[in-house]
Amino acid sequence: MRTNPSFGIVDETLGTLARGMLPRLRHVFEQHQALHRLAVEATVNV
């Protein structure tokens, strides 16, 4: 069974995309956590 060289290219591209997306995903996740915390505080304070 031969390995397809194009798979390596796809793998590298996916790796680059993942590295580019991770900081953005973390930022979105932190925003979501902050909003959730605000919502919980607002609910508790009512």
C-alpha atoms as a PDB file:
ATOM      1  CA  MET A   1       0.000   0.000   0.000  1.00  0.00           C
ATOM      2  CA  ARG A   2       1.478   3.303  -1.077  1.00  0.00           C
ATOM      3  CA  THR A   3       0.995   6.488   0.909  1.00  0.00           C
ATOM      4  CA  ASN A   4      -0.563   9.304  -1.068  1.00  0.00           C
ATOM      5  CA  PRO A   5       1.689  12.403  -0.939  1.00  0.00           C
ATOM      6  CA  SER A   6      -1.335  14.699  -1.192  1.00  0.00           C
ATOM      7  CA  PHE A   7      -2.450  13.460   2.230  1.00  0.00           C
ATOM      8  CA  GLY A   8       0.652  15.069   3.723  1.00  0.00           C
ATOM      9  CA  ILE A   9      -0.274  18.385   2.120  1.00  0.00           C
ATOM     10  CA  VAL A  10      -3.841  18.149   3.422  1.00  0.00           C
ATOM     11  CA  ASP A  11      -2.498  17.262   6.862  1.00  0.00           C
ATOM     12  CA  GLU A  12      -0.194  20.295   6.888  1.00  0.00           C
ATOM     13  CA  THR A  13      -3.009  22.568   5.715  1.00  0.00           C
ATOM     14  CA  LEU A  14      -5.340  21.270   8.426  1.00  0.00           C
ATOM     15  CA  GLY A  15      -2.606  21.722  11.023  1.00  0.00           C
ATOM     16  CA  THR A  16      -2.024  25.321   9.930  1.00  0.00           C
ATOM     17  CA  LEU A  17      -5.763  26.043   9.965  1.00  0.00           C
ATOM     18  CA  ALA A  18      -6.115  24.498  13.426  1.00  0.00           C
ATOM     19  CA  ARG A  19      -3.235  26.615  14.753  1.00  0.00           C
ATOM     20  CA  GLY A  20      -4.838  29.710  13.249  1.00  0.00           C
ATOM     21  CA  MET A  21      -8.261  28.888  14.653  1.00  0.00           C
ATOM     22  CA  LEU A  22      -7.271  27.913  18.212  1.00  0.00           C
ATOM     23  CA  PRO A  23      -6.689  31.462  19.543  1.00  0.00           C
ATOM     24  CA  ARG A  24      -9.981  32.602  18.002  1.00  0.00           C
ATOM     25  CA  LEU A  25     -11.830  29.628  19.506  1.00  0.00           C
ATOM     26  CA  ARG A  26     -10.283  30.324  22.909  1.00  0.00           C
ATOM     27  CA  HIS A  27     -11.341  33.981  22.641  1.00  0.00           C
ATOM     28  CA  VAL A  28     -14.916  32.990  21.765  1.00  0.00           C
ATOM     29  CA  PHE A  29     -14.950  30.476  24.615  1.00  0.00           C
ATOM     30  CA  GLU A  30     -13.729  33.107  27.111  1.00  0.00           C
ATOM     31  CA  GLN A  31     -16.393  35.554  25.899  1.00  0.00           C
ATOM     32  CA  HIS A  32     -19.031  32.851  26.333  1.00  0.00           C
ATOM     33  CA  GLN A  33     -17.830  32.129  29.876  1.00  0.00           C
ATOM     34  CA  ALA A  34     -17.902  35.846  30.743  1.00  0.00           C
ATOM     35  CA  LEU A  35     -21.453  36.192  29.409  1.00  0.00           C
ATOM     36  CA  HIS A  36     -22.516  33.079  31.306  1.00  0.00           C
ATOM     37  CA  ARG A  37     -21.026  34.467  34.530  1.00  0.00           C
ATOM     38  CA  LEU A  38     -22.878  37.769  34.011  1.00  0.00           C
ATOM     39  CA  ALA A  39     -26.133  35.919  33.368  1.00  0.00           C
ATOM     40  CA  VAL A  40     -25.692  33.847  36.537  1.00  0.00           C
ATOM     41  CA  GLU A  41     -24.928  36.956  38.612  1.00  0.00           C
ATOM     42  CA  ALA A  42     -27.947  38.760  37.160  1.00  0.00           C
ATOM     43  CA  THR A  43     -30.174  35.774  37.969  1.00  0.00           C
ATOM     44  CA  VAL A  44     -28.833  35.564  41.539  1.00  0.00           C
ATOM     45  CA  ASN A  45     -29.263  39.318  42.107  1.00  0.00           C
ATOM     46  CA  VAL A  46     -32.916  39.406  41.006  1.00  0.00           C
END
